[in-house]
C-alpha atoms as a PDB file:
ATOM      1  CA  PRO A   1     -18.188  40.056 -30.772  1.00  0.00           C
ATOM      2  CA  ILE A   2     -15.116  40.535 -33.084  1.00  0.00           C
ATOM      3  CA  VAL A   3     -14.905  44.083 -32.520  1.00  0.00           C
ATOM      4  CA  LEU A   4     -15.593  43.753 -29.275  1.00  0.00           C
ATOM      5  CA  ALA A   5     -13.004  40.759 -28.653  1.00  0.00           C
ATOM      6  CA  THR A   6     -10.435  42.318 -30.981  1.00  0.00           C
ATOM      7  CA  GLY A   7     -11.115  46.191 -29.130  1.00  0.00           C
ATOM      8  CA  LEU A   8     -10.782  44.394 -25.248  1.00  0.00           C
ATOM      9  CA  TRP A   9      -7.283  42.971 -27.155  1.00  0.00           C
ATOM     10  CA  LEU A  10      -5.626  45.984 -27.878  1.00  0.00           C
ATOM     11  CA  ILE A  11      -6.351  47.300 -24.510  1.00  0.00           C
ATOM     12  CA  TRP A  12      -5.086  44.070 -22.396  1.00  0.00           C
ATOM     13  CA  ARG A  13      -2.285  43.786 -24.542  1.00  0.00           C
ATOM     14  CA  ARG A  14      -1.211  47.021 -22.596  1.00  0.00           C
ATOM     15  CA  ALA A  15      -1.857  46.057 -19.477  1.00  0.00           C
ATOM     16  CA  ASP A  16       1.780  46.684 -18.234  1.00  0.00           C
ATOM     17  CA  GLU A  17       1.326  50.447 -19.573  1.00  0.00           C
ATOM     18  CA  ILE A  18      -1.806  50.799 -17.966  1.00  0.00           C
ATOM     19  CA  ARG A  19      -1.105  49.578 -14.674  1.00  0.00           C
ATOM     20  CA  ARG A  20       2.758  51.219 -14.810  1.00  0.00           C
ATOM     21  CA  GLU A  21       1.212  55.017 -15.504  1.00  0.00           C
ATOM     22  CA  ALA A  22      -2.513  54.650 -14.312  1.00  0.00           C
ATOM     23  CA  VAL A  23      -3.382  57.405 -11.853  1.00  0.00           C
ATOM     24  CA  PRO A  24      -7.295  57.299 -10.492  1.00  0.00           C
ATOM     25  CA  GLY A  25      -9.285  59.768 -12.290  1.00  0.00           C
ATOM     26  CA  ASN A  26     -11.774  62.271 -10.292  1.00  0.00           C
ATOM     27  CA  PHE A  27     -14.693  60.155  -7.991  1.00  0.00           C
ATOM     28  CA  TRP A  28     -17.369  62.613  -8.991  1.00  0.00           C
ATOM     29  CA  LEU A  29     -16.383  63.317 -12.819  1.00  0.00           C
ATOM     30  CA  ALA A  30     -17.398  59.558 -13.367  1.00  0.00           C
ATOM     31  CA  PHE A  31     -20.068  59.050 -10.747  1.00  0.00           C
ATOM     32  CA  LEU A  32     -21.695  61.964 -12.753  1.00  0.00           C
ATOM     33  CA  GLY A  33     -21.101  59.779 -16.120  1.00  0.00           C
ATOM     34  CA  LEU A  34     -22.506  56.334 -14.663  1.00  0.00           C
ATOM     35  CA  LEU A  35     -25.778  58.246 -13.931  1.00  0.00           C
ATOM     36  CA  VAL A  36     -25.864  60.417 -16.961  1.00  0.00           C
ATOM     37  CA  ALA A  37     -25.313  56.688 -18.481  1.00  0.00           C
ATOM     38  CA  ALA A  38     -27.757  55.098 -15.888  1.00  0.00           C
ATOM     39  CA  ALA A  39     -30.321  57.474 -17.255  1.00  0.00           C
ATOM     40  CA  ILE A  40     -30.101  56.824 -20.671  1.00  0.00           C
ATOM     41  CA  TYR A  41     -29.476  52.961 -20.210  1.00  0.00           C
ATOM     42  CA  ILE A  42     -33.435  53.030 -18.805  1.00  0.00           C
ATOM     43  CA  PHE A  43     -34.560  55.716 -20.863  1.00  0.00           C
ATOM     44  CA  GLY A  44     -33.618  53.439 -24.183  1.00  0.00           C
ATOM     45  CA  ARG A  45     -34.241  50.379 -21.885  1.00  0.00           C
ATOM     46  CA  ALA A  46     -38.019  51.452 -21.211  1.00  0.00           C
ATOM     47  CA  TYR A  47     -38.892  52.670 -25.014  1.00  0.00           C
ATOM     48  CA  GLY A  48     -37.520  49.801 -27.052  1.00  0.00           C
ATOM     49  CA  PHE A  49     -33.828  51.899 -28.524  1.00  0.00           C
ATOM     50  CA  LEU A  50     -31.052  49.328 -28.817  1.00  0.00           C
ATOM     51  CA  VAL A  51     -28.502  52.178 -29.428  1.00  0.00           C
ATOM     52  CA  LEU A  52     -29.484  54.165 -26.727  1.00  0.00           C
ATOM     53  CA  GLU A  53     -29.297  50.655 -24.359  1.00  0.00           C
ATOM     54  CA  VAL A  54     -25.694  49.775 -25.810  1.00  0.00           C
ATOM     55  CA  GLY A  55     -24.311  53.390 -26.460  1.00  0.00           C
ATOM     56  CA  ALA A  56     -25.422  53.906 -22.178  1.00  0.00           C
ATOM     57  CA  LEU A  57     -23.411  50.659 -21.429  1.00  0.00           C
ATOM     58  CA  TYR A  58     -20.629  51.803 -23.885  1.00  0.00           C
ATOM     59  CA  LEU A  59     -20.370  55.674 -21.737  1.00  0.00           C
ATOM     60  CA  ALA A  60     -20.890  53.232 -18.636  1.00  0.00           C
ATOM     61  CA  GLY A  61     -17.420  51.420 -19.273  1.00  0.00           C
ATOM     62  CA  VAL A  62     -15.740  54.583 -20.425  1.00  0.00           C
ATOM     63  CA  ALA A  63     -16.634  56.415 -17.111  1.00  0.00           C
ATOM     64  CA  ILE A  64     -15.429  53.184 -15.275  1.00  0.00           C
ATOM     65  CA  ALA A  65     -12.128  53.402 -17.696  1.00  0.00           C
ATOM     66  CA  TYR A  66     -11.699  56.684 -16.344  1.00  0.00           C
ATOM     67  CA  SER A  67     -12.027  55.602 -12.549  1.00  0.00           C
ATOM     68  CA  LEU A  68      -9.315  53.731 -12.865  1.00  0.00           C
ATOM     69  CA  ILE A  69      -6.607  55.092 -14.911  1.00  0.00           C
ATOM     70  CA  GLY A  70      -6.888  58.497 -15.451  1.00  0.00           C
ATOM     71  CA  TRP A  71      -7.515  61.338 -18.078  1.00  0.00           C
ATOM     72  CA  ARG A  72      -4.219  60.586 -18.868  1.00  0.00           C
ATOM     73  CA  MET A  73      -4.009  56.868 -19.503  1.00  0.00           C
ATOM     74  CA  LEU A  74      -7.416  56.904 -21.527  1.00  0.00           C
ATOM     75  CA  ARG A  75      -6.035  59.590 -24.403  1.00  0.00           C
ATOM     76  CA  LYS A  76      -3.112  57.081 -24.543  1.00  0.00           C
ATOM     77  CA  LEU A  77      -5.894  53.547 -25.669  1.00  0.00           C
ATOM     78  CA  TRP A  78      -7.981  57.021 -27.579  1.00  0.00           C
ATOM     79  CA  PHE A  79      -8.331  54.100 -30.449  1.00  0.00           C
ATOM     80  CA  PRO A  80      -9.062  50.918 -28.461  1.00  0.00           C
ATOM     81  CA  ILE A  81     -11.855  53.232 -27.528  1.00  0.00           C
ATOM     82  CA  LEU A  82     -12.953  54.892 -30.420  1.00  0.00           C
ATOM     83  CA  TYR A  83     -12.761  51.306 -32.090  1.00  0.00           C
ATOM     84  CA  LEU A  84     -14.953  50.245 -29.143  1.00  0.00           C
ATOM     85  CA  GLY A  85     -17.625  51.752 -30.132  1.00  0.00           C
ATOM     86  CA  PHE A  86     -17.824  50.279 -33.656  1.00  0.00           C
ATOM     87  CA  ALA A  87     -20.151  47.661 -31.603  1.00  0.00           C
ATOM     88  CA  VAL A  88     -22.798  50.538 -30.671  1.00  0.00           C
ATOM     89  CA  PRO A  89     -25.532  50.046 -33.907  1.00  0.00           C
ATOM     90  CA  LEU A  90     -26.405  52.750 -35.550  1.00  0.00           C
ATOM     91  CA  PRO A  91     -29.947  54.232 -35.298  1.00  0.00           C
ATOM     92  CA  GLY A  92     -32.919  53.056 -37.482  1.00  0.00           C
ATOM     93  CA  TRP A  93     -33.728  55.979 -39.170  1.00  0.00           C
ATOM     94  CA  LEU A  94     -29.916  56.713 -39.992  1.00  0.00           C
ATOM     95  CA  LEU A  95     -29.321  53.839 -41.565  1.00  0.00           C
ATOM     96  CA  ASP A  96     -32.101  54.043 -43.387  1.00  0.00           C
ATOM     97  CA  SER A  97     -31.190  57.995 -44.489  1.00  0.00           C
ATOM     98  CA  ILE A  98     -27.447  56.059 -45.419  1.00  0.00           C
ATOM     99  CA  THR A  99     -28.873  52.846 -46.735  1.00  0.00           C
ATOM    100  CA  LEU A 100     -31.475  54.144 -49.749  1.00  0.00           C
ATOM    101  CA  PRO A 101     -29.268  56.437 -52.036  1.00  0.00           C
ATOM    102  CA  LEU A 102     -26.716  52.805 -51.986  1.00  0.00           C
ATOM    103  CA  LYS A 103     -29.409  50.729 -52.993  1.00  0.00           C
ATOM    104  CA  TYR A 104     -29.979  53.014 -55.276  1.00  0.00           C
ATOM    105  CA  LEU A 105     -26.422  53.548 -56.397  1.00  0.00           C
ATOM    106  CA  VAL A 106     -25.590  49.643 -56.269  1.00  0.00           C
ATOM    107  CA  SER A 107     -29.166  48.538 -58.312  1.00  0.00           C
ATOM    108  CA  ASP A 108     -28.009  51.526 -61.403  1.00  0.00           C
ATOM    109  CA  ILE A 109     -24.726  49.957 -61.204  1.00  0.00           C
ATOM    110  CA  VAL A 110     -25.551  46.413 -61.591  1.00  0.00           C
ATOM    111  CA  THR A 111     -27.750  46.928 -64.578  1.00  0.00           C
ATOM    112  CA  ARG A 112     -25.719  49.547 -66.483  1.00  0.00           C
ATOM    113  CA  LEU A 113     -23.142  46.683 -66.341  1.00  0.00           C
ATOM    114  CA  LEU A 114     -25.258  43.900 -67.156  1.00  0.00           C
ATOM    115  CA  GLN A 115     -27.088  45.744 -70.134  1.00  0.00           C
ATOM    116  CA  ALA A 116     -23.572  46.443 -70.948  1.00  0.00           C
ATOM    117  CA  VAL A 117     -22.787  42.781 -72.026  1.00  0.00           C
ATOM    118  CA  GLY A 118     -26.397  42.059 -73.490  1.00  0.00           C
ATOM    119  CA  TYR A 119     -28.293  40.454 -70.489  1.00  0.00           C
ATOM    120  CA  PRO A 120     -32.108  41.832 -70.624  1.00  0.00           C
ATOM    121  CA  ILE A 121     -31.999  43.806 -67.889  1.00  0.00           C
ATOM    122  CA  VAL A 122     -34.629  46.383 -66.445  1.00  0.00           C
ATOM    123  CA  GLN A 123     -34.390  48.678 -62.937  1.00  0.00           C
ATOM    124  CA  VAL A 124     -37.573  50.272 -61.878  1.00  0.00           C
ATOM    125  CA  GLY A 125     -36.197  51.720 -58.267  1.00  0.00           C
ATOM    126  CA  VAL A 126     -34.369  48.803 -56.390  1.00  0.00           C
ATOM    127  CA  THR A 127     -35.582  46.535 -58.065  1.00  0.00           C
ATOM    128  CA  LEU A 128     -34.166  44.461 -60.545  1.00  0.00           C
ATOM    129  CA  TYR A 129     -35.953  42.436 -63.960  1.00  0.00           C
ATOM    130  CA  ILE A 130     -34.421  40.192 -65.606  1.00  0.00           C
ATOM    131  CA  ALA A 131     -36.270  37.531 -67.875  1.00  0.00           C
ATOM    132  CA  GLN A 132     -38.860  36.563 -66.137  1.00  0.00           C
ATOM    133  CA  TYR A 133     -37.475  37.481 -62.570  1.00  0.00           C
ATOM    134  CA  GLN A 134     -37.787  40.013 -60.154  1.00  0.00           C
ATOM    135  CA  LEU A 135     -35.223  41.087 -57.618  1.00  0.00           C
ATOM    136  CA  LEU A 136     -35.188  43.414 -54.838  1.00  0.00           C
ATOM    137  CA  VAL A 137     -32.120  45.016 -53.620  1.00  0.00           C
ATOM    138  CA  GLU A 138     -32.237  44.738 -49.503  1.00  0.00           C
ATOM    139  CA  ASP A 139     -30.956  46.709 -47.003  1.00  0.00           C
ATOM    140  CA  ALA A 140     -28.477  43.768 -47.255  1.00  0.00           C
ATOM    141  CA  CYS A 141     -27.409  44.166 -49.975  1.00  0.00           C
ATOM    142  CA  ALA A 142     -26.383  48.024 -49.694  1.00  0.00           C
ATOM    143  CA  GLY A 143     -23.652  47.333 -49.154  1.00  0.00           C
ATOM    144  CA  LEU A 144     -23.702  49.457 -44.998  1.00  0.00           C
ATOM    145  CA  ASN A 145     -23.008  46.668 -42.830  1.00  0.00           C
ATOM    146  CA  SER A 146     -19.885  45.796 -45.021  1.00  0.00           C
ATOM    147  CA  ILE A 147     -18.790  49.178 -45.270  1.00  0.00           C
ATOM    148  CA  ILE A 148     -19.083  49.348 -41.394  1.00  0.00           C
ATOM    149  CA  SER A 149     -17.773  46.469 -40.714  1.00  0.00           C
ATOM    150  CA  LEU A 150     -14.838  46.417 -43.237  1.00  0.00           C
ATOM    151  CA  THR A 151     -13.849  49.657 -41.835  1.00  0.00           C
ATOM    152  CA  ALA A 152     -13.627  48.222 -38.428  1.00  0.00           C
ATOM    153  CA  ILE A 153     -11.593  45.326 -39.325  1.00  0.00           C
ATOM    154  CA  SER A 154      -9.391  47.765 -41.641  1.00  0.00           C
ATOM    155  CA  LEU A 155      -8.822  50.160 -39.333  1.00  0.00           C
ATOM    156  CA  PHE A 156      -8.139  47.472 -36.909  1.00  0.00           C
ATOM    157  CA  TYR A 157      -5.220  46.578 -39.175  1.00  0.00           C
ATOM    158  CA  ILE A 158      -4.450  49.987 -40.488  1.00  0.00           C
ATOM    159  CA  TYR A 159      -3.965  50.418 -36.337  1.00  0.00           C
ATOM    160  CA  LEU A 160      -1.935  47.378 -35.728  1.00  0.00           C
ATOM    161  CA  LEU A 161       0.806  47.962 -38.862  1.00  0.00           C
ATOM    162  CA  HIS A 162       1.182  51.432 -39.677  1.00  0.00           C
ATOM    163  CA  ASN A 163       0.048  53.590 -36.570  1.00  0.00           C
ATOM    164  CA  SER A 164       3.237  55.094 -36.849  1.00  0.00           C
ATOM    165  CA  SER A 165       2.677  56.866 -40.809  1.00  0.00           C
ATOM    166  CA  TRP A 166      -0.937  58.192 -40.256  1.00  0.00           C
ATOM    167  CA  ARG A 167      -0.724  60.435 -43.727  1.00  0.00           C
ATOM    168  CA  TYR A 168      -0.884  56.768 -45.389  1.00  0.00           C
ATOM    169  CA  SER A 169      -2.957  55.216 -43.170  1.00  0.00           C
ATOM    170  CA  ALA A 170      -5.316  58.472 -44.077  1.00  0.00           C
ATOM    171  CA  VAL A 171      -4.615  56.583 -47.778  1.00  0.00           C
ATOM    172  CA  LEU A 172      -5.247  53.334 -47.119  1.00  0.00           C
ATOM    173  CA  PHE A 173      -8.450  53.951 -44.969  1.00  0.00           C
ATOM    174  CA  ALA A 174      -9.858  56.314 -47.924  1.00  0.00           C
ATOM    175  CA  LEU A 175     -10.496  53.044 -50.215  1.00  0.00           C
ATOM    176  CA  VAL A 176     -12.387  51.045 -47.940  1.00  0.00           C
ATOM    177  CA  LEU A 177     -16.104  52.760 -49.198  1.00  0.00           C
ATOM    178  CA  PRO A 178     -15.225  52.277 -52.815  1.00  0.00           C
ATOM    179  CA  ILE A 179     -13.783  48.618 -52.360  1.00  0.00           C
ATOM    180  CA  ALA A 180     -16.862  48.274 -50.147  1.00  0.00           C
ATOM    181  CA  LEU A 181     -19.210  49.264 -52.611  1.00  0.00           C
ATOM    182  CA  ALA A 182     -17.548  47.578 -55.187  1.00  0.00           C
ATOM    183  CA  ALA A 183     -17.705  43.880 -53.677  1.00  0.00           C
ATOM    184  CA  ASN A 184     -21.554  44.673 -53.160  1.00  0.00           C
ATOM    185  CA  VAL A 185     -21.886  45.651 -57.103  1.00  0.00           C
ATOM    186  CA  ILE A 186     -20.625  42.146 -57.525  1.00  0.00           C
ATOM    187  CA  ARG A 187     -22.495  40.318 -54.863  1.00  0.00           C
ATOM    188  CA  VAL A 188     -25.750  41.280 -56.566  1.00  0.00           C
ATOM    189  CA  ILE A 189     -24.312  40.982 -60.371  1.00  0.00           C
ATOM    190  CA  ILE A 190     -23.668  36.851 -58.975  1.00  0.00           C
ATOM    191  CA  LEU A 191     -27.334  36.876 -57.533  1.00  0.00           C
ATOM    192  CA  VAL A 192     -28.892  38.660 -60.864  1.00  0.00           C
ATOM    193  CA  LEU A 193     -26.823  35.865 -62.946  1.00  0.00           C
ATOM    194  CA  ILE A 194     -27.750  32.844 -60.193  1.00  0.00           C
ATOM    195  CA  THR A 195     -31.553  33.823 -60.680  1.00  0.00           C
ATOM    196  CA  TYR A 196     -31.203  33.881 -63.956  1.00  0.00           C
ATOM    197  CA  TYR A 197     -29.400  31.144 -65.188  1.00  0.00           C
ATOM    198  CA  LEU A 198     -30.594  28.319 -62.236  1.00  0.00           C
ATOM    199  CA  GLY A 199     -33.977  29.849 -61.096  1.00  0.00           C
ATOM    200  CA  ASP A 200     -34.715  32.324 -58.100  1.00  0.00           C
ATOM    201  CA  GLU A 201     -34.378  29.073 -55.666  1.00  0.00           C
ATOM    202  CA  MET A 202     -30.632  29.137 -56.220  1.00  0.00           C
ATOM    203  CA  ALA A 203     -30.278  32.187 -55.728  1.00  0.00           C
ATOM    204  CA  GLN A 204     -32.507  32.178 -52.308  1.00  0.00           C
ATOM    205  CA  GLY A 205     -31.185  29.788 -50.684  1.00  0.00           C
ATOM    206  CA  TYR A 206     -27.447  29.078 -48.995  1.00  0.00           C
ATOM    207  CA  LEU A 207     -25.868  30.466 -51.911  1.00  0.00           C
ATOM    208  CA  HIS A 208     -27.163  34.150 -51.742  1.00  0.00           C
ATOM    209  CA  ASP A 209     -25.349  34.176 -47.748  1.00  0.00           C
ATOM    210  CA  THR A 210     -22.456  32.211 -49.821  1.00  0.00           C
ATOM    211  CA  ALA A 211     -22.475  35.553 -52.037  1.00  0.00           C
ATOM    212  CA  GLY A 212     -22.347  37.628 -49.234  1.00  0.00           C
ATOM    213  CA  ILE A 213     -19.005  35.793 -47.236  1.00  0.00           C
ATOM    214  CA  VAL A 214     -17.477  35.355 -50.851  1.00  0.00           C
ATOM    215  CA  THR A 215     -17.519  39.040 -51.558  1.00  0.00           C
ATOM    216  CA  PHE A 216     -16.962  40.503 -47.853  1.00  0.00           C
ATOM    217  CA  VAL A 217     -13.904  37.976 -47.827  1.00  0.00           C
ATOM    218  CA  SER A 218     -12.624  39.232 -51.279  1.00  0.00           C
ATOM    219  CA  ALA A 219     -13.158  43.088 -50.290  1.00  0.00           C
ATOM    220  CA  LEU A 220     -11.127  42.112 -46.849  1.00  0.00           C
ATOM    221  CA  LEU A 221      -8.455  40.459 -49.123  1.00  0.00           C
ATOM    222  CA  LEU A 222      -8.233  42.939 -51.524  1.00  0.00           C
ATOM    223  CA  ILE A 223      -7.576  45.773 -48.936  1.00  0.00           C
ATOM    224  CA  PHE A 224      -4.583  43.827 -48.117  1.00  0.00           C
ATOM    225  CA  LEU A 225      -3.193  42.902 -51.741  1.00  0.00           C
ATOM    226  CA  ILE A 226      -3.429  47.191 -52.068  1.00  0.00           C
ATOM    227  CA  ASP A 227      -1.517  47.577 -49.033  1.00  0.00           C
ATOM    228  CA  GLY A 228       1.093  45.606 -50.030  1.00  0.00           C
ATOM    229  CA  LEU A 229       0.822  46.833 -53.658  1.00  0.00           C
ATOM    230  CA  LEU A 230       1.237  50.129 -52.212  1.00  0.00           C
ATOM    231  CA  THR A 231       4.635  49.610 -50.247  1.00  0.00           C
ATOM    232  CA  PRO A 232       6.712  51.913 -52.482  1.00  0.00           C
ATOM    233  CA  VAL A 233       4.155  55.376 -51.315  1.00  0.00           C
ATOM    234  CA  ARG A 234       4.354  53.969 -47.566  1.00  0.00           C
ATOM    235  CA  ARG A 235       7.913  54.316 -47.855  1.00  0.00           C
ATOM    236  CA  LEU A 236       8.057  57.389 -49.704  1.00  0.00           C
ATOM    237  CA  LEU A 237       5.778  59.319 -47.081  1.00  0.00           C
ATOM    238  CA  ALA A 238       7.604  57.536 -43.932  1.00  0.00           C
ATOM    239  CA  ARG A 239      10.504  59.637 -45.780  1.00  0.00           C
ATOM    240  CA  SER A 240       9.167  62.213 -46.179  1.00  0.00           C
ATOM    241  CA  SER A 241       7.868  62.490 -42.531  1.00  0.00           C
ATOM    242  CA  ARG A 242      11.479  62.195 -41.784  1.00  0.00           C
ATOM    243  CA  ALA A 243      13.109  64.504 -43.277  1.00  0.00           C
ATOM    244  CA  PRO A 244      14.479  67.607 -41.753  1.00  0.00           C
ATOM    245  CA  ALA A 245      12.439  71.232 -42.406  1.00  0.00           C
ATOM    246  CA  ALA A 246      13.783  73.317 -44.502  1.00  0.00           C
END
């Protein structure tokens, strides 16, 4: 919902430009796009593929937009259109193939860090054993959802503030993945320590969701902080891009 709302806002804020420069696209090309989207939606609906249903709606929206404002205006709105694509859920097979290695990575890092400071923790696959407790690192703790959410919000933030500097935007965007992974490592460490000191019921109660929210917000604030600290780098890149060629 956040991606959908902010994506539509990005389009709305350029409403005057759209009305001024819009040229309707080819009707038959837009109609063909709608037919393809309808076929994909029917197939996805019939066989329960949510990604196909939402993806078909996304494609239909692009086709309708093309019919109303044309290809030239669509190119100018490339970022809002790309950004709205984050509202389409990833297919399950892709989620599984990405999430499993992330779960192993997070489990391994958490185990090594806590062992280094003397905690009696052992890792078996994606299961952590500490004292008499056993904790399974679930898909949510792997960080994929955080990576996707942070990527979307970071892209939104970068586009609004640094749209004119693509090189600096690339630098800031490259930091999203390690920050998201670090945030989820911290989240799992917090849950392990809560379990160790307060018991399994406390860790699996409201503190579980609270830890997820706190680590996500912290990761987002860290991106903003790094952006502020990298202000000299941004200015340097801006000056170099304005410098005349030799």
